[in-house]
N, C-alpha and C. Protein backbone atom coordinates (compact mmCIF):
# COMPACT_ATOMS: atom_id res chain seq x y z
N MET A 1 -18.98 -2.14 7.69
CA MET A 1 -18.16 -1.37 6.79
C MET A 1 -18.36 -1.93 5.38
N SER A 2 -18.60 -1.05 4.44
CA SER A 2 -18.86 -1.49 3.07
C SER A 2 -17.57 -1.88 2.36
N THR A 3 -17.72 -2.52 1.23
CA THR A 3 -16.57 -2.98 0.45
C THR A 3 -15.71 -1.81 -0.01
N ILE A 4 -16.35 -0.74 -0.47
CA ILE A 4 -15.58 0.42 -0.95
C ILE A 4 -14.80 1.05 0.20
N GLN A 5 -15.36 1.04 1.39
CA GLN A 5 -14.66 1.59 2.55
C GLN A 5 -13.46 0.72 2.91
N ARG A 6 -13.62 -0.58 2.81
CA ARG A 6 -12.50 -1.49 3.10
C ARG A 6 -11.37 -1.32 2.08
N ILE A 7 -11.73 -1.17 0.81
CA ILE A 7 -10.71 -0.97 -0.23
C ILE A 7 -9.98 0.34 -0.01
N ALA A 8 -10.75 1.39 0.29
CA ALA A 8 -10.14 2.70 0.54
C ALA A 8 -9.21 2.64 1.75
N LEU A 9 -9.65 1.97 2.79
CA LEU A 9 -8.82 1.86 4.00
C LEU A 9 -7.55 1.06 3.71
N ALA A 10 -7.66 0.00 2.92
CA ALA A 10 -6.48 -0.79 2.56
C ALA A 10 -5.49 0.05 1.76
N LEU A 11 -5.98 0.86 0.83
CA LEU A 11 -5.09 1.72 0.04
C LEU A 11 -4.44 2.79 0.91
N VAL A 12 -5.17 3.32 1.87
CA VAL A 12 -4.59 4.30 2.78
C VAL A 12 -3.49 3.65 3.63
N ILE A 13 -3.72 2.43 4.07
CA ILE A 13 -2.70 1.71 4.83
C ILE A 13 -1.46 1.46 3.98
N ILE A 14 -1.66 1.08 2.72
CA ILE A 14 -0.52 0.89 1.80
C ILE A 14 0.25 2.19 1.66
N GLY A 15 -0.47 3.29 1.51
CA GLY A 15 0.19 4.59 1.41
C GLY A 15 0.96 4.94 2.67
N ALA A 16 0.38 4.65 3.82
CA ALA A 16 1.06 4.95 5.09
C ALA A 16 2.33 4.11 5.24
N ILE A 17 2.26 2.85 4.86
CA ILE A 17 3.45 2.00 4.93
C ILE A 17 4.52 2.52 3.97
N ASN A 18 4.11 2.92 2.77
CA ASN A 18 5.05 3.45 1.80
C ASN A 18 5.72 4.72 2.33
N TRP A 19 4.95 5.62 2.93
CA TRP A 19 5.53 6.84 3.49
C TRP A 19 6.45 6.52 4.66
N GLY A 20 6.11 5.53 5.44
CA GLY A 20 6.99 5.11 6.52
C GLY A 20 8.32 4.61 5.99
N LEU A 21 8.27 3.82 4.94
CA LEU A 21 9.51 3.33 4.32
C LEU A 21 10.33 4.48 3.74
N ILE A 22 9.65 5.45 3.15
CA ILE A 22 10.37 6.61 2.62
C ILE A 22 11.02 7.39 3.76
N GLY A 23 10.28 7.60 4.83
CA GLY A 23 10.79 8.38 5.94
C GLY A 23 11.94 7.72 6.68
N PHE A 24 11.83 6.43 6.91
CA PHE A 24 12.85 5.73 7.69
C PHE A 24 14.03 5.23 6.86
N PHE A 25 13.77 4.78 5.65
CA PHE A 25 14.81 4.12 4.87
C PHE A 25 15.08 4.75 3.51
N GLN A 26 14.39 5.84 3.18
CA GLN A 26 14.51 6.48 1.87
C GLN A 26 14.28 5.47 0.74
N PHE A 27 13.27 4.63 0.93
CA PHE A 27 12.94 3.60 -0.06
C PHE A 27 11.46 3.72 -0.42
N ASP A 28 11.18 3.98 -1.68
CA ASP A 28 9.81 4.10 -2.17
C ASP A 28 9.40 2.76 -2.76
N LEU A 29 8.61 1.99 -2.01
CA LEU A 29 8.21 0.65 -2.43
C LEU A 29 7.35 0.67 -3.68
N VAL A 30 6.43 1.61 -3.77
CA VAL A 30 5.55 1.70 -4.95
C VAL A 30 6.39 1.96 -6.20
N ALA A 31 7.32 2.89 -6.10
CA ALA A 31 8.19 3.19 -7.25
C ALA A 31 9.06 2.00 -7.60
N ALA A 32 9.54 1.28 -6.59
CA ALA A 32 10.39 0.12 -6.85
C ALA A 32 9.61 -0.99 -7.55
N ILE A 33 8.36 -1.18 -7.17
CA ILE A 33 7.55 -2.25 -7.77
C ILE A 33 7.12 -1.90 -9.18
N PHE A 34 6.73 -0.63 -9.39
CA PHE A 34 6.11 -0.25 -10.67
C PHE A 34 7.02 0.52 -11.61
N GLY A 35 8.32 0.57 -11.35
CA GLY A 35 9.25 1.12 -12.32
C GLY A 35 9.57 2.60 -12.18
N GLY A 36 9.55 3.14 -11.01
CA GLY A 36 9.92 4.54 -10.80
C GLY A 36 8.71 5.41 -10.53
N GLN A 37 8.99 6.59 -9.96
CA GLN A 37 7.91 7.49 -9.58
C GLN A 37 7.15 8.04 -10.78
N ASN A 38 7.79 8.13 -11.93
CA ASN A 38 7.13 8.70 -13.11
C ASN A 38 6.46 7.65 -13.99
N ALA A 39 6.55 6.38 -13.62
CA ALA A 39 5.90 5.33 -14.39
C ALA A 39 4.38 5.48 -14.27
N ALA A 40 3.69 5.18 -15.33
CA ALA A 40 2.23 5.38 -15.36
C ALA A 40 1.54 4.58 -14.26
N LEU A 41 1.94 3.34 -14.07
CA LEU A 41 1.28 2.50 -13.07
C LEU A 41 1.53 3.02 -11.65
N ALA A 42 2.73 3.50 -11.39
CA ALA A 42 3.03 4.06 -10.08
C ALA A 42 2.21 5.31 -9.84
N ARG A 43 2.06 6.15 -10.86
CA ARG A 43 1.25 7.37 -10.71
C ARG A 43 -0.21 7.03 -10.48
N ILE A 44 -0.69 5.95 -11.08
CA ILE A 44 -2.07 5.51 -10.84
C ILE A 44 -2.23 5.07 -9.39
N VAL A 45 -1.26 4.31 -8.89
CA VAL A 45 -1.32 3.86 -7.49
C VAL A 45 -1.29 5.06 -6.56
N TYR A 46 -0.38 6.02 -6.83
CA TYR A 46 -0.32 7.23 -5.99
C TYR A 46 -1.66 7.97 -6.02
N GLY A 47 -2.25 8.07 -7.19
CA GLY A 47 -3.55 8.75 -7.31
C GLY A 47 -4.65 8.04 -6.55
N LEU A 48 -4.68 6.71 -6.66
CA LEU A 48 -5.70 5.94 -5.94
C LEU A 48 -5.53 6.05 -4.43
N VAL A 49 -4.28 6.06 -3.97
CA VAL A 49 -4.02 6.23 -2.54
C VAL A 49 -4.50 7.60 -2.08
N GLY A 50 -4.24 8.63 -2.87
CA GLY A 50 -4.68 9.97 -2.53
C GLY A 50 -6.20 10.09 -2.50
N LEU A 51 -6.87 9.53 -3.49
CA LEU A 51 -8.34 9.55 -3.51
C LEU A 51 -8.91 8.76 -2.34
N SER A 52 -8.26 7.66 -2.01
CA SER A 52 -8.72 6.86 -0.87
C SER A 52 -8.58 7.63 0.43
N GLY A 53 -7.51 8.40 0.55
CA GLY A 53 -7.34 9.23 1.73
C GLY A 53 -8.45 10.25 1.86
N LEU A 54 -8.82 10.86 0.74
CA LEU A 54 -9.93 11.82 0.76
C LEU A 54 -11.24 11.13 1.11
N TYR A 55 -11.45 9.94 0.57
CA TYR A 55 -12.68 9.21 0.88
C TYR A 55 -12.73 8.81 2.35
N CYS A 56 -11.59 8.44 2.91
CA CYS A 56 -11.55 8.04 4.32
C CYS A 56 -11.84 9.20 5.26
N LEU A 57 -11.73 10.43 4.78
CA LEU A 57 -12.15 11.57 5.60
C LEU A 57 -13.63 11.46 5.96
N THR A 58 -14.42 10.88 5.06
CA THR A 58 -15.85 10.71 5.37
C THR A 58 -16.05 9.74 6.53
N LEU A 59 -15.15 8.77 6.68
CA LEU A 59 -15.25 7.83 7.79
C LEU A 59 -14.98 8.52 9.12
N LEU A 60 -14.15 9.55 9.09
CA LEU A 60 -13.83 10.29 10.30
C LEU A 60 -15.05 10.99 10.87
N PHE A 61 -15.92 11.46 10.00
CA PHE A 61 -17.09 12.21 10.43
C PHE A 61 -18.37 11.39 10.43
N LYS A 62 -18.26 10.10 10.17
CA LYS A 62 -19.43 9.22 10.15
C LYS A 62 -19.88 8.95 11.59
N PRO A 63 -21.17 9.13 11.88
CA PRO A 63 -21.62 8.85 13.25
C PRO A 63 -21.53 7.36 13.57
N THR A 64 -21.24 7.07 14.81
CA THR A 64 -21.16 5.67 15.21
C THR A 64 -22.54 5.05 15.19
N GLU A 65 -22.60 3.80 14.81
CA GLU A 65 -23.87 3.10 14.76
C GLU A 65 -24.19 2.55 16.14
N GLU A 66 -25.42 2.78 16.56
CA GLU A 66 -25.84 2.31 17.87
C GLU A 66 -26.57 0.98 17.72
N LEU A 67 -26.46 0.15 18.74
CA LEU A 67 -27.17 -1.12 18.73
C LEU A 67 -28.65 -0.85 18.96
N SER A 68 -29.48 -1.56 18.25
CA SER A 68 -30.92 -1.31 18.35
C SER A 68 -31.65 -2.35 19.20
N HIS A 69 -30.93 -3.21 19.87
CA HIS A 69 -31.60 -4.23 20.66
C HIS A 69 -31.32 -4.01 22.15
N GLU A 70 -32.22 -4.50 22.96
CA GLU A 70 -32.11 -4.37 24.41
C GLU A 70 -31.15 -5.44 24.92
N PRO A 71 -30.40 -5.16 25.98
CA PRO A 71 -29.55 -6.19 26.55
C PRO A 71 -30.39 -7.31 27.18
N ASP A 72 -29.85 -8.52 27.15
CA ASP A 72 -30.56 -9.67 27.69
C ASP A 72 -30.52 -9.61 29.22
N ARG A 73 -31.71 -9.59 29.84
CA ARG A 73 -31.78 -9.47 31.31
C ARG A 73 -32.22 -10.77 31.97
N SER A 74 -32.17 -11.86 31.24
CA SER A 74 -32.58 -13.13 31.84
C SER A 74 -31.52 -13.64 32.79
N THR A 75 -31.94 -14.32 33.80
CA THR A 75 -31.00 -14.89 34.76
C THR A 75 -30.82 -16.37 34.46
N THR A 76 -29.62 -16.76 34.23
CA THR A 76 -29.35 -18.19 33.93
C THR A 76 -28.35 -18.74 34.87
């Protein structure tokens, strides 16, 4: 997995945790940290999470990588 994929996945996880907190406790962690939903930094975080979600769609359709080596058949 490439670095950009890991960053996108981490942002998607942050977004999922934030939505879970909103759903269960009516608490928006991103807004609480960055000064409200309309604060510029919070809107940037929301935007990055959304873009990361779109990017992670490519991971859904990515073919699985197959191993290119033969299994070891030696008897030990």
